Amino acid sequence: MKLLEGKTALIFGLANQRSIAWGIAQAFHEHGAQLGFSYAVPQLERRVRPLAEQIGVNF
C-alpha cells in the first residue's frame, strides 16, 4: 500500500511544470493520492491541463 493511497488532495497554485505545486502534485501522485488542481487565472488552463493529463487528473 502506498502512503497516500485512498487520499484525495487539492493542489492550489499550479502554474507550469516549474512550479513548486507541480513538484508536490507529482510526489502525491507517486504515493497514490487522487488529485485535483486549482490555478490562479483562466489563462493558465492551457498550461495546467497538459500537466494534469500527464498524471491522469480529470478536470
PDB file of N, CA and C in Angstrom:
ATOM      1  N   MET A   1       0.843  -1.188   0.000  1.00  0.00           N
ATOM      2  CA  MET A   1       0.000   0.000   0.000  1.00  0.00           C
ATOM      3  C   MET A   1       0.883   1.245   0.000  1.00  0.00           C
ATOM      4  N   LYS A   2       0.525   2.197  -0.836  1.00  0.00           N
ATOM      5  CA  LYS A   2       1.264   3.451  -0.914  1.00  0.00           C
ATOM      6  C   LYS A   2       0.827   4.381   0.213  1.00  0.00           C
ATOM      7  N   LEU A   3       1.704   5.284   0.570  1.00  0.00           N
ATOM      8  CA  LEU A   3       1.490   6.182   1.702  1.00  0.00           C
ATOM      9  C   LEU A   3       0.193   6.994   1.602  1.00  0.00           C
ATOM     10  N   LEU A   4      -0.152   7.483   0.408  1.00  0.00           N
ATOM     11  CA  LEU A   4      -1.337   8.335   0.248  1.00  0.00           C
ATOM     12  C   LEU A   4      -2.474   7.645  -0.491  1.00  0.00           C
ATOM     13  N   GLU A   5      -2.400   6.353  -0.626  1.00  0.00           N
ATOM     14  CA  GLU A   5      -3.456   5.609  -1.322  1.00  0.00           C
ATOM     15  C   GLU A   5      -4.789   5.796  -0.606  1.00  0.00           C
ATOM     16  N   GLY A   6      -5.828   6.104  -1.374  1.00  0.00           N
ATOM     17  CA  GLY A   6      -7.148   6.332  -0.801  1.00  0.00           C
ATOM     18  C   GLY A   6      -7.370   7.755  -0.319  1.00  0.00           C
ATOM     19  N   LYS A   7      -6.364   8.598  -0.442  1.00  0.00           N
ATOM     20  CA  LYS A   7      -6.482  10.003  -0.022  1.00  0.00           C
ATOM     21  C   LYS A   7      -6.723  10.886  -1.238  1.00  0.00           C
ATOM     22  N   THR A   8      -7.360  12.022  -1.015  1.00  0.00           N
ATOM     23  CA  THR A   8      -7.615  12.996  -2.068  1.00  0.00           C
ATOM     24  C   THR A   8      -6.961  14.312  -1.673  1.00  0.00           C
ATOM     25  N   ALA A   9      -6.295  14.948  -2.634  1.00  0.00           N
ATOM     26  CA  ALA A   9      -5.630  16.224  -2.370  1.00  0.00           C
ATOM     27  C   ALA A   9      -5.999  17.231  -3.444  1.00  0.00           C
ATOM     28  N   LEU A  10      -6.191  18.471  -3.040  1.00  0.00           N
ATOM     29  CA  LEU A  10      -6.412  19.567  -3.967  1.00  0.00           C
ATOM     30  C   LEU A  10      -5.146  20.410  -3.967  1.00  0.00           C
ATOM     31  N   ILE A  11      -4.518  20.512  -5.127  1.00  0.00           N
ATOM     32  CA  ILE A  11      -3.275  21.261  -5.268  1.00  0.00           C
ATOM     33  C   ILE A  11      -3.612  22.663  -5.766  1.00  0.00           C
ATOM     34  N   PHE A  12      -3.261  23.673  -4.970  1.00  0.00           N
ATOM     35  CA  PHE A  12      -3.530  25.070  -5.316  1.00  0.00           C
ATOM     36  C   PHE A  12      -2.310  25.709  -5.967  1.00  0.00           C
ATOM     37  N   GLY A  13      -2.548  26.636  -6.867  1.00  0.00           N
ATOM     38  CA  GLY A  13      -1.481  27.475  -7.403  1.00  0.00           C
ATOM     39  C   GLY A  13      -0.633  26.858  -8.489  1.00  0.00           C
ATOM     40  N   LEU A  14      -1.124  25.839  -9.150  1.00  0.00           N
ATOM     41  CA  LEU A  14      -0.352  25.223 -10.227  1.00  0.00           C
ATOM     42  C   LEU A  14      -0.275  26.190 -11.401  1.00  0.00           C
ATOM     43  N   ALA A  15       0.949  26.468 -11.867  1.00  0.00           N
ATOM     44  CA  ALA A  15       1.130  27.423 -12.963  1.00  0.00           C
ATOM     45  C   ALA A  15       1.780  26.781 -14.177  1.00  0.00           C
ATOM     46  N   ASN A  16       2.812  25.970 -13.941  1.00  0.00           N
ATOM     47  CA  ASN A  16       3.520  25.315 -15.039  1.00  0.00           C
ATOM     48  C   ASN A  16       4.381  24.191 -14.474  1.00  0.00           C
ATOM     49  N   GLN A  17       5.169  23.550 -15.325  1.00  0.00           N
ATOM     50  CA  GLN A  17       5.961  22.402 -14.890  1.00  0.00           C
ATOM     51  C   GLN A  17       7.129  22.794 -13.982  1.00  0.00           C
ATOM     52  N   ARG A  18       7.411  24.078 -13.831  1.00  0.00           N
ATOM     53  CA  ARG A  18       8.486  24.526 -12.949  1.00  0.00           C
ATOM     54  C   ARG A  18       7.977  24.997 -11.582  1.00  0.00           C
ATOM     55  N   SER A  19       6.678  24.965 -11.376  1.00  0.00           N
ATOM     56  CA  SER A  19       6.135  25.463 -10.108  1.00  0.00           C
ATOM     57  C   SER A  19       6.289  24.425  -8.998  1.00  0.00           C
ATOM     58  N   ILE A  20       6.417  24.911  -7.796  1.00  0.00           N
ATOM     59  CA  ILE A  20       6.517  24.034  -6.633  1.00  0.00           C
ATOM     60  C   ILE A  20       5.276  23.154  -6.539  1.00  0.00           C
ATOM     61  N   ALA A  21       4.131  23.712  -6.876  1.00  0.00           N
ATOM     62  CA  ALA A  21       2.879  22.950  -6.832  1.00  0.00           C
ATOM     63  C   ALA A  21       2.949  21.723  -7.740  1.00  0.00           C
ATOM     64  N   TRP A  22       3.615  21.827  -8.884  1.00  0.00           N
ATOM     65  CA  TRP A  22       3.744  20.681  -9.786  1.00  0.00           C
ATOM     66  C   TRP A  22       4.617  19.596  -9.147  1.00  0.00           C
ATOM     67  N   GLY A  23       5.691  19.979  -8.497  1.00  0.00           N
ATOM     68  CA  GLY A  23       6.535  19.013  -7.798  1.00  0.00           C
ATOM     69  C   GLY A  23       5.767  18.289  -6.702  1.00  0.00           C
ATOM     70  N   ILE A  24       4.959  19.021  -5.972  1.00  0.00           N
ATOM     71  CA  ILE A  24       4.127  18.425  -4.926  1.00  0.00           C
ATOM     72  C   ILE A  24       3.114  17.474  -5.543  1.00  0.00           C
ATOM     73  N   ALA A  25       2.487  17.892  -6.634  1.00  0.00           N
ATOM     74  CA  ALA A  25       1.499  17.044  -7.310  1.00  0.00           C
ATOM     75  C   ALA A  25       2.127  15.738  -7.779  1.00  0.00           C
ATOM     76  N   GLN A  26       3.317  15.808  -8.358  1.00  0.00           N
ATOM     77  CA  GLN A  26       3.992  14.593  -8.819  1.00  0.00           C
ATOM     78  C   GLN A  26       4.288  13.653  -7.653  1.00  0.00           C
ATOM     79  N   ALA A  27       4.771  14.204  -6.548  1.00  0.00           N
ATOM     80  CA  ALA A  27       5.077  13.376  -5.383  1.00  0.00           C
ATOM     81  C   ALA A  27       3.812  12.738  -4.815  1.00  0.00           C
ATOM     82  N   PHE A  28       2.749  13.500  -4.687  1.00  0.00           N
ATOM     83  CA  PHE A  28       1.486  12.954  -4.186  1.00  0.00           C
ATOM     84  C   PHE A  28       0.979  11.848  -5.101  1.00  0.00           C
ATOM     85  N   HIS A  29       1.080  12.074  -6.409  1.00  0.00           N
ATOM     86  CA  HIS A  29       0.637  11.067  -7.379  1.00  0.00           C
ATOM     87  C   HIS A  29       1.450   9.780  -7.234  1.00  0.00           C
ATOM     88  N   GLU A  30       2.761   9.904  -7.099  1.00  0.00           N
ATOM     89  CA  GLU A  30       3.631   8.734  -6.933  1.00  0.00           C
ATOM     90  C   GLU A  30       3.275   7.942  -5.686  1.00  0.00           C
ATOM     91  N   HIS A  31       2.755   8.619  -4.675  1.00  0.00           N
ATOM     92  CA  HIS A  31       2.389   7.958  -3.424  1.00  0.00           C
ATOM     93  C   HIS A  31       0.924   7.544  -3.382  1.00  0.00           C
ATOM     94  N   GLY A  32       0.227   7.658  -4.522  1.00  0.00           N
ATOM     95  CA  GLY A  32      -1.105   7.083  -4.634  1.00  0.00           C
ATOM     96  C   GLY A  32      -2.289   7.996  -4.414  1.00  0.00           C
ATOM     97  N   ALA A  33      -2.075   9.287  -4.232  1.00  0.00           N
ATOM     98  CA  ALA A  33      -3.194  10.204  -3.971  1.00  0.00           C
ATOM     99  C   ALA A  33      -3.994  10.489  -5.237  1.00  0.00           C
ATOM    100  N   GLN A  34      -5.294  10.704  -5.058  1.00  0.00           N
ATOM    101  CA  GLN A  34      -6.151  11.225  -6.117  1.00  0.00           C
ATOM    102  C   GLN A  34      -6.024  12.743  -6.047  1.00  0.00           C
ATOM    103  N   LEU A  35      -5.873  13.403  -7.196  1.00  0.00           N
ATOM    104  CA  LEU A  35      -5.585  14.835  -7.188  1.00  0.00           C
ATOM    105  C   LEU A  35      -6.632  15.666  -7.905  1.00  0.00           C
ATOM    106  N   GLY A  36      -6.741  16.899  -7.472  1.00  0.00           N
ATOM    107  CA  GLY A  36      -7.489  17.939  -8.154  1.00  0.00           C
ATOM    108  C   GLY A  36      -6.597  19.166  -8.196  1.00  0.00           C
ATOM    109  N   PHE A  37      -6.743  19.995  -9.226  1.00  0.00           N
ATOM    110  CA  PHE A  37      -5.886  21.166  -9.386  1.00  0.00           C
ATOM    111  C   PHE A  37      -6.686  22.454  -9.363  1.00  0.00           C
ATOM    112  N   SER A  38      -6.049  23.499  -8.865  1.00  0.00           N
ATOM    113  CA  SER A  38      -6.580  24.853  -8.918  1.00  0.00           C
ATOM    114  C   SER A  38      -5.485  25.736  -9.500  1.00  0.00           C
ATOM    115  N   TYR A  39      -5.888  26.742 -10.251  1.00  0.00           N
ATOM    116  CA  TYR A  39      -4.911  27.675 -10.809  1.00  0.00           C
ATOM    117  C   TYR A  39      -5.473  29.078 -10.690  1.00  0.00           C
ATOM    118  N   ALA A  40      -4.581  30.067 -10.725  1.00  0.00           N
ATOM    119  CA  ALA A  40      -4.941  31.439 -10.368  1.00  0.00           C
ATOM    120  C   ALA A  40      -5.881  32.129 -11.351  1.00  0.00           C
ATOM    121  N   VAL A  41      -5.609  32.022 -12.622  1.00  0.00           N
ATOM    122  CA  VAL A  41      -6.416  32.734 -13.621  1.00  0.00           C
ATOM    123  C   VAL A  41      -6.770  31.792 -14.764  1.00  0.00           C
ATOM    124  N   PRO A  42      -7.893  32.012 -15.428  1.00  0.00           N
ATOM    125  CA  PRO A  42      -8.314  31.115 -16.509  1.00  0.00           C
ATOM    126  C   PRO A  42      -7.276  30.939 -17.621  1.00  0.00           C
ATOM    127  N   GLN A  43      -6.442  31.937 -17.848  1.00  0.00           N
ATOM    128  CA  GLN A  43      -5.436  31.840 -18.900  1.00  0.00           C
ATOM    129  C   GLN A  43      -4.409  30.735 -18.631  1.00  0.00           C
ATOM    130  N   LEU A  44      -4.258  30.325 -17.393  1.00  0.00           N
ATOM    131  CA  LEU A  44      -3.300  29.268 -17.057  1.00  0.00           C
ATOM    132  C   LEU A  44      -3.806  27.878 -17.408  1.00  0.00           C
ATOM    133  N   GLU A  45      -5.072  27.753 -17.717  1.00  0.00           N
ATOM    134  CA  GLU A  45      -5.612  26.423 -18.020  1.00  0.00           C
ATOM    135  C   GLU A  45      -4.853  25.756 -19.159  1.00  0.00           C
ATOM    136  N   ARG A  46      -4.430  26.513 -20.157  1.00  0.00           N
ATOM    137  CA  ARG A  46      -3.714  25.917 -21.291  1.00  0.00           C
ATOM    138  C   ARG A  46      -2.371  25.323 -20.872  1.00  0.00           C
ATOM    139  N   ARG A  47      -1.809  25.770 -19.757  1.00  0.00           N
ATOM    140  CA  ARG A  47      -0.571  25.188 -19.226  1.00  0.00           C
ATOM    141  C   ARG A  47      -0.859  24.044 -18.261  1.00  0.00           C
ATOM    142  N   VAL A  48      -1.919  24.189 -17.488  1.00  0.00           N
ATOM    143  CA  VAL A  48      -2.222  23.222 -16.437  1.00  0.00           C
ATOM    144  C   VAL A  48      -2.845  21.944 -16.988  1.00  0.00           C
ATOM    145  N   ARG A  49      -3.724  22.057 -17.958  1.00  0.00           N
ATOM    146  CA  ARG A  49      -4.422  20.879 -18.492  1.00  0.00           C
ATOM    147  C   ARG A  49      -3.449  19.803 -18.997  1.00  0.00           C
ATOM    148  N   PRO A  50      -2.405  20.129 -19.786  1.00  0.00           N
ATOM    149  CA  PRO A  50      -1.472  19.078 -20.226  1.00  0.00           C
ATOM    150  C   PRO A  50      -0.739  18.404 -19.059  1.00  0.00           C
ATOM    151  N   LEU A  51      -0.433  19.164 -18.018  1.00  0.00           N
ATOM    152  CA  LEU A  51       0.214  18.577 -16.846  1.00  0.00           C
ATOM    153  C   LEU A  51      -0.731  17.603 -16.156  1.00  0.00           C
ATOM    154  N   ALA A  52      -1.978  18.017 -16.025  1.00  0.00           N
ATOM    155  CA  ALA A  52      -2.977  17.152 -15.394  1.00  0.00           C
ATOM    156  C   ALA A  52      -3.129  15.848 -16.166  1.00  0.00           C
ATOM    157  N   GLU A  53      -3.137  15.940 -17.477  1.00  0.00           N
ATOM    158  CA  GLU A  53      -3.284  14.738 -18.301  1.00  0.00           C
ATOM    159  C   GLU A  53      -2.099  13.794 -18.153  1.00  0.00           C
ATOM    160  N   GLN A  54      -0.908  14.336 -17.886  1.00  0.00           N
ATOM    161  CA  GLN A  54       0.286  13.501 -17.700  1.00  0.00           C
ATOM    162  C   GLN A  54       0.131  12.524 -16.545  1.00  0.00           C
ATOM    163  N   ILE A  55      -0.577  12.941 -15.507  1.00  0.00           N
ATOM    164  CA  ILE A  55      -0.716  12.069 -14.338  1.00  0.00           C
ATOM    165  C   ILE A  55      -2.149  11.595 -14.126  1.00  0.00           C
ATOM    166  N   GLY A  56      -2.979  11.783 -15.137  1.00  0.00           N
ATOM    167  CA  GLY A  56      -4.318  11.212 -15.094  1.00  0.00           C
ATOM    168  C   GLY A  56      -5.346  11.967 -14.281  1.00  0.00           C
ATOM    169  N   VAL A  57      -5.140  13.261 -14.069  1.00  0.00           N
ATOM    170  CA  VAL A  57      -6.128  14.069 -13.359  1.00  0.00           C
ATOM    171  C   VAL A  57      -7.185  14.496 -14.358  1.00  0.00           C
ATOM    172  N   ASN A  58      -8.444  14.237 -14.025  1.00  0.00           N
ATOM    173  CA  ASN A  58      -9.553  14.588 -14.894  1.00  0.00           C
ATOM    174  C   ASN A  58     -10.245  15.819 -14.333  1.00  0.00           C
ATOM    175  N   PHE A  59     -10.281  16.891 -15.083  1.00  0.00           N
ATOM    176  CA  PHE A  59     -10.904  18.133 -14.619  1.00  0.00           C
ATOM    177  C   PHE A  59     -12.377  17.945 -14.428  1.00  0.00           C
TER     178      PHE A  59
END
